[in-house]
């Protein structure tokens, strides 16, 4: 049986960011340094798998969807749907979204990656990524061009093992300035795919879900239902909105692919912008 699990963070996207930083060091290190120099609080992260409870815990079960009824007790959200049916319904509306913002705390090798990225189906994205608290990379992809900005801490972290004078030169030249990259370049492939919402949503696996319904709760003030699922190596706790469209709000993973992913700002414009010319460094011109 193929199990439908929560979407997994696309591994390799941050590696591509780091690779870009390393390439920046390699491209500029030998030259003279000329020129101007969120987490979401989860109130129910206890992923006690196997809990098939469909009871109302009193954390806010009212959705207002049955406002036409005069009953003193409002209907429980998704009372007529099973866990797998809720998963299917939620993933359908997520796939239909034109954009979303991903806030994630995940593992990449032996490190911890923090991501705060808005992306849409046009391939635009904007946000930040960091690893092990060693600096921040800021991305802004507009059309077929990727703009990346690295702070000094990240440039120095990625420059470990390189001659200090080369790293110093790169920091002087590029820290907090935008590096322009053609999205068609082979090294940009992972970033291009990560920024495309359709490609990202391909991580939502198709198949048969075995999710169990859990208690009602809230996620950042939004009423939600808890769903538990496992694929044998990881346990997933998913939170689906019970008011309005059943958007996936949050996923907490324990086990092999441990991490937390929160999904917000569905269908909102991605704030990707082209930086001012004075703030852009074109590496192609530097290396030609």
Protein backbone atom coordinates (compact mmCIF):
# COMPACT_ATOMS: atom_id res chain seq x y z
CA UNK A 1 0.00 0.00 0.00
CA UNK A 2 1.27 3.45 -0.88
CA UNK A 3 0.80 5.83 2.01
CA UNK A 4 0.01 9.50 1.56
CA UNK A 5 2.22 11.30 4.02
CA UNK A 6 2.79 14.94 4.75
CA UNK A 7 4.95 16.81 2.23
CA UNK A 8 8.64 16.53 2.91
CA UNK A 9 11.00 19.45 2.70
CA UNK A 10 12.79 19.41 -0.66
CA UNK A 11 16.33 18.51 0.31
CA UNK A 12 18.98 20.08 -1.84
CA UNK A 13 17.52 23.57 -1.99
CA UNK A 14 19.66 24.81 0.87
CA UNK A 15 22.59 22.85 -0.49
CA UNK A 16 22.14 24.85 -3.69
CA UNK A 17 22.23 28.08 -1.70
CA UNK A 18 25.43 27.01 0.01
CA UNK A 19 26.88 25.92 -3.31
CA UNK A 20 26.17 29.38 -4.65
CA UNK A 21 28.06 30.86 -1.73
CA UNK A 22 30.98 28.50 -2.33
CA UNK A 23 30.98 29.37 -6.04
CA UNK A 24 30.97 33.02 -5.05
CA UNK A 25 34.08 32.42 -2.99
CA UNK A 26 35.73 30.53 -5.82
CA UNK A 27 34.80 33.12 -8.44
CA UNK A 28 35.89 36.14 -6.47
CA UNK A 29 38.51 34.90 -4.05
CA UNK A 30 41.40 35.11 -6.47
CA UNK A 31 40.51 38.59 -7.69
CA UNK A 32 41.22 41.91 -6.06
CA UNK A 33 38.49 43.09 -3.71
CA UNK A 34 37.64 46.18 -5.73
CA UNK A 35 34.38 48.04 -5.66
CA UNK A 36 32.12 49.07 -2.87
CA UNK A 37 32.44 47.21 -0.42
CA UNK A 38 9.61 32.33 12.37
CA UNK A 39 8.32 29.87 14.47
CA UNK A 40 5.01 29.08 14.94
CA UNK A 41 3.80 28.02 18.31
CA UNK A 42 2.15 24.62 18.24
CA UNK A 43 -0.21 23.86 21.07
CA UNK A 44 -0.52 20.22 20.16
CA UNK A 45 2.80 18.84 19.00
CA UNK A 46 2.55 15.68 21.05
CA UNK A 47 2.37 13.20 18.19
CA UNK A 48 0.97 10.26 20.06
CA UNK A 49 0.33 8.08 17.04
CA UNK A 50 -2.40 5.55 17.28
CA UNK A 51 -4.76 7.99 18.94
CA UNK A 52 -7.93 7.60 16.96
CA UNK A 53 -9.94 9.98 19.10
CA UNK A 54 -12.65 11.93 17.36
CA UNK A 55 -13.78 13.73 20.49
CA UNK A 56 -13.99 17.45 21.01
CA UNK A 57 -11.34 18.53 23.53
CA UNK A 58 -13.01 21.88 24.11
CA UNK A 59 -10.32 23.83 22.26
CA UNK A 60 -12.73 25.49 19.92
CA UNK A 61 -14.73 23.09 17.78
CA UNK A 62 -17.12 25.67 16.40
CA UNK A 63 -16.58 26.48 12.74
CA UNK A 64 -19.72 28.41 12.01
CA UNK A 65 -20.38 26.15 9.01
CA UNK A 66 -23.77 25.16 10.43
CA UNK A 67 -24.91 28.66 11.31
CA UNK A 68 -28.30 27.96 9.78
CA UNK A 69 -29.11 25.44 12.50
CA UNK A 70 -30.79 26.47 15.70
CA UNK A 71 -29.14 23.72 17.73
CA UNK A 72 -27.36 24.79 20.90
CA UNK A 73 -24.55 22.36 20.05
CA UNK A 74 -22.74 23.05 16.82
CA UNK A 75 -21.62 20.16 14.65
CA UNK A 76 -18.10 18.83 15.10
CA UNK A 77 -15.84 19.72 12.15
CA UNK A 78 -15.36 16.92 9.63
CA UNK A 79 -17.63 14.67 11.71
CA UNK A 80 -18.74 12.84 8.56
CA UNK A 81 -15.22 12.40 7.15
CA UNK A 82 -12.54 9.86 8.00
CA UNK A 83 -8.88 10.78 8.54
CA UNK A 84 -7.87 9.77 4.99
CA UNK A 85 -10.77 11.74 3.54
CA UNK A 86 -9.70 14.88 5.42
CA UNK A 87 -6.14 14.45 4.15
CA UNK A 88 -7.36 14.08 0.57
CA UNK A 89 -9.63 17.13 0.90
CA UNK A 90 -6.86 19.23 2.43
CA UNK A 91 -4.21 18.30 -0.13
CA UNK A 92 -6.66 19.13 -2.93
CA UNK A 93 -7.12 22.73 -1.76
CA UNK A 94 -3.39 23.11 -1.10
CA UNK A 95 -2.57 22.00 -4.65
CA UNK A 96 -5.13 24.47 -5.97
CA UNK A 97 -3.50 27.41 -4.15
CA UNK A 98 -1.66 29.93 -6.32
CA UNK A 99 0.93 30.66 -3.61
CA UNK A 100 1.89 29.97 -0.01
CA UNK A 101 4.60 30.69 2.54
CA UNK A 102 6.65 27.85 3.99
CA UNK A 103 8.21 28.26 7.41
CA UNK A 104 10.29 25.21 8.23
CA UNK A 105 12.77 23.90 10.77
CA UNK A 106 14.24 20.75 9.24
CA UNK A 107 17.33 18.58 9.06
CA UNK A 108 19.83 18.73 6.21
CA UNK A 109 22.52 16.16 6.80
CA UNK A 110 23.85 16.83 10.30
CA UNK A 111 22.63 20.41 10.35
CA UNK A 112 19.42 22.29 11.03
CA UNK A 113 17.90 24.40 8.27
CA UNK A 114 15.53 27.29 8.94
CA UNK A 115 13.42 28.38 5.99
CA UNK A 116 10.97 31.24 5.61
CA UNK A 117 10.02 31.34 1.94
CA UNK A 118 7.02 32.54 -0.07
CA UNK A 119 6.59 30.84 -3.44
CA UNK A 120 4.03 30.72 -6.21
CA UNK A 121 3.05 28.79 -9.32
CA UNK A 122 4.73 31.36 -11.57
CA UNK A 123 8.08 30.32 -10.14
CA UNK A 124 8.61 33.44 -8.07
CA UNK A 125 9.93 33.16 -4.53
CA UNK A 126 11.21 35.42 -1.78
CA UNK A 127 12.52 34.73 1.70
CA UNK A 128 15.42 33.55 3.79
CA UNK A 129 17.32 30.36 4.59
CA UNK A 130 19.94 29.64 7.23
CA UNK A 131 21.80 26.63 8.57
CA UNK A 132 23.00 25.96 12.11
CA UNK A 133 22.59 29.64 12.91
CA UNK A 134 25.62 30.44 10.76
CA UNK A 135 24.35 33.43 8.87
CA UNK A 136 21.47 34.00 6.49
CA UNK A 137 20.91 33.80 2.76
CA UNK A 138 18.15 35.95 1.28
CA UNK A 139 16.54 34.92 -2.01
CA UNK A 140 14.42 36.79 -4.49
CA UNK A 141 13.55 35.01 -7.73
CA UNK A 142 11.73 37.02 -10.35
CA UNK A 143 10.99 35.32 -13.65
CA UNK A 144 14.06 33.45 -14.85
CA UNK A 145 16.55 35.32 -12.67
CA UNK A 146 17.62 34.43 -9.14
CA UNK A 147 19.00 37.08 -6.80
CA UNK A 148 20.81 35.92 -3.65
CA UNK A 149 22.25 37.94 -0.81
CA UNK A 150 24.57 36.46 1.81
CA UNK A 151 25.44 38.12 5.08
CA UNK A 152 29.02 38.14 6.35
CA UNK A 153 28.46 35.30 8.78
CA UNK A 154 27.27 32.92 6.06
CA UNK A 155 30.08 33.87 3.68
CA UNK A 156 32.64 33.16 6.38
CA UNK A 157 30.95 29.89 7.33
CA UNK A 158 30.98 28.72 3.71
CA UNK A 159 34.56 29.93 3.33
CA UNK A 160 35.94 27.68 6.05
CA UNK A 161 39.03 25.93 4.74
CA UNK A 162 39.72 28.69 2.22
CA UNK A 163 42.64 31.10 2.65
CA UNK A 164 41.57 33.86 5.01
CA UNK A 165 42.61 36.64 2.64
CA UNK A 166 40.34 35.25 -0.08
CA UNK A 167 37.37 34.99 2.26
CA UNK A 168 38.05 38.51 3.54
CA UNK A 169 38.07 39.80 -0.04
CA UNK A 170 34.75 38.12 -0.82
CA UNK A 171 33.17 39.46 2.35
CA UNK A 172 34.36 42.98 1.54
CA UNK A 173 32.98 42.75 -1.98
CA UNK A 174 29.74 40.81 -1.54
CA UNK A 175 28.44 40.81 2.03
CA UNK A 176 24.85 42.09 2.05
CA UNK A 177 24.89 42.70 -1.72
CA UNK A 178 22.79 40.80 -4.24
CA UNK A 179 24.37 38.21 -6.52
CA UNK A 180 22.57 37.81 -9.84
CA UNK A 181 22.27 34.32 -11.32
CA UNK A 182 20.67 33.15 -14.54
CA UNK A 183 18.02 30.60 -13.66
CA UNK A 184 19.03 28.54 -16.69
CA UNK A 185 22.47 27.87 -15.25
CA UNK A 186 22.99 24.22 -14.20
CA UNK A 187 23.91 25.27 -10.67
CA UNK A 188 20.54 27.02 -10.28
CA UNK A 189 18.41 23.96 -11.08
CA UNK A 190 17.59 23.03 -7.47
CA UNK A 191 16.72 26.61 -6.61
CA UNK A 192 14.50 26.94 -9.66
CA UNK A 193 12.59 23.80 -8.70
CA UNK A 194 12.31 24.81 -5.06
CA UNK A 195 10.87 28.20 -5.99
CA UNK A 196 8.20 26.68 -8.23
CA UNK A 197 5.10 25.90 -6.17
CA UNK A 198 3.94 23.19 -8.59
CA UNK A 199 7.28 21.41 -8.21
CA UNK A 200 7.19 21.85 -4.45
CA UNK A 201 3.66 20.47 -4.22
CA UNK A 202 4.80 17.40 -6.12
CA UNK A 203 6.18 16.41 -2.71
CA UNK A 204 2.58 15.78 -1.70
CA UNK A 205 2.56 12.06 -2.42
CA UNK A 206 -0.42 10.41 -4.07
CA UNK A 207 -1.77 7.18 -2.66
CA UNK A 208 -3.80 5.74 0.18
CA UNK A 209 -3.70 7.56 3.49
CA UNK A 210 -3.93 5.81 6.85
CA UNK A 211 -4.32 9.01 8.86
CA UNK A 212 -6.17 8.85 12.16
CA UNK A 213 -8.32 11.69 13.40
CA UNK A 214 -7.16 13.32 16.60
CA UNK A 215 -8.42 16.12 18.84
CA UNK A 216 -9.41 19.63 17.86
CA UNK A 217 -6.87 22.31 18.67
CA UNK A 218 -5.61 25.69 17.49
CA UNK A 219 -2.54 26.62 15.46
CA UNK A 220 -1.57 30.28 15.69
CA UNK A 221 -5.12 31.17 16.59
CA UNK A 222 -6.67 29.13 13.78
CA UNK A 223 -8.97 26.28 14.70
CA UNK A 224 -7.72 22.97 13.39
CA UNK A 225 -8.13 19.23 13.57
CA UNK A 226 -5.18 16.97 14.35
CA UNK A 227 -4.32 14.02 12.13
CA UNK A 228 -1.77 11.31 12.89
CA UNK A 229 0.04 9.19 10.33
CA UNK A 230 3.19 7.08 9.99
CA UNK A 231 5.14 5.66 7.08
CA UNK A 232 7.17 3.21 9.14
CA UNK A 233 10.22 5.44 9.57
CA UNK A 234 8.64 8.75 10.58
CA UNK A 235 5.54 9.81 12.51
CA UNK A 236 3.57 12.77 11.18
CA UNK A 237 1.21 15.06 13.05
CA UNK A 238 -0.78 17.22 10.66
CA UNK A 239 -3.02 20.15 11.45
CA UNK A 240 -5.83 21.03 9.03
CA UNK A 241 -7.95 24.18 9.27
CA UNK A 242 -11.57 23.59 10.30
CA UNK A 243 -12.80 27.05 9.31
CA UNK A 244 -13.00 28.17 5.72
CA UNK A 245 -11.07 25.99 3.29
CA UNK A 246 -9.34 22.97 4.91
CA UNK A 247 -5.81 24.23 4.32
CA UNK A 248 -2.89 22.32 5.75
CA UNK A 249 -1.55 24.56 8.52
CA UNK A 250 1.29 22.64 10.04
CA UNK A 251 3.20 19.36 9.98
CA UNK A 252 5.36 18.04 12.81
CA UNK A 253 7.59 15.09 11.92
CA UNK A 254 9.31 12.78 14.40
CA UNK A 255 11.70 10.05 13.43
CA UNK A 256 13.91 9.83 10.33
CA UNK A 257 12.89 13.14 8.78
CA UNK A 258 12.30 15.10 11.98
CA UNK A 259 11.25 18.69 11.60
CA UNK A 260 8.40 21.17 11.57
CA UNK A 261 6.74 22.85 8.60
CA UNK A 262 4.11 25.57 8.78
CA UNK A 263 2.08 26.77 5.80
CA UNK A 264 0.64 30.28 5.79
CA UNK A 265 -0.43 33.12 3.49
CA UNK A 266 -2.19 30.95 0.94
CA UNK A 267 -2.96 32.80 -2.32
CA UNK A 268 -1.15 35.97 -1.25
CA UNK A 269 1.25 37.74 -3.65
CA UNK A 270 4.89 36.71 -3.30
CA UNK A 271 6.98 39.79 -2.38
CA UNK A 272 9.78 39.00 -4.85
CA UNK A 273 11.49 42.11 -6.21
CA UNK A 274 14.38 42.95 -8.49
CA UNK A 275 17.04 44.68 -6.37
CA UNK A 276 18.34 48.10 -7.33
CA UNK A 277 21.21 47.97 -9.85
CA UNK A 278 23.61 49.57 -7.38
CA UNK A 279 23.07 46.66 -4.99
CA UNK A 280 23.65 43.88 -7.56
CA UNK A 281 26.91 42.10 -8.31
CA UNK A 282 26.98 40.25 -11.66
CA UNK A 283 29.41 37.38 -11.19
CA UNK A 284 29.38 36.64 -14.93
CA UNK A 285 31.00 39.98 -15.60
CA UNK A 286 33.51 39.49 -12.77
CA UNK A 287 34.71 36.14 -14.11
CA UNK A 288 34.78 37.01 -17.84
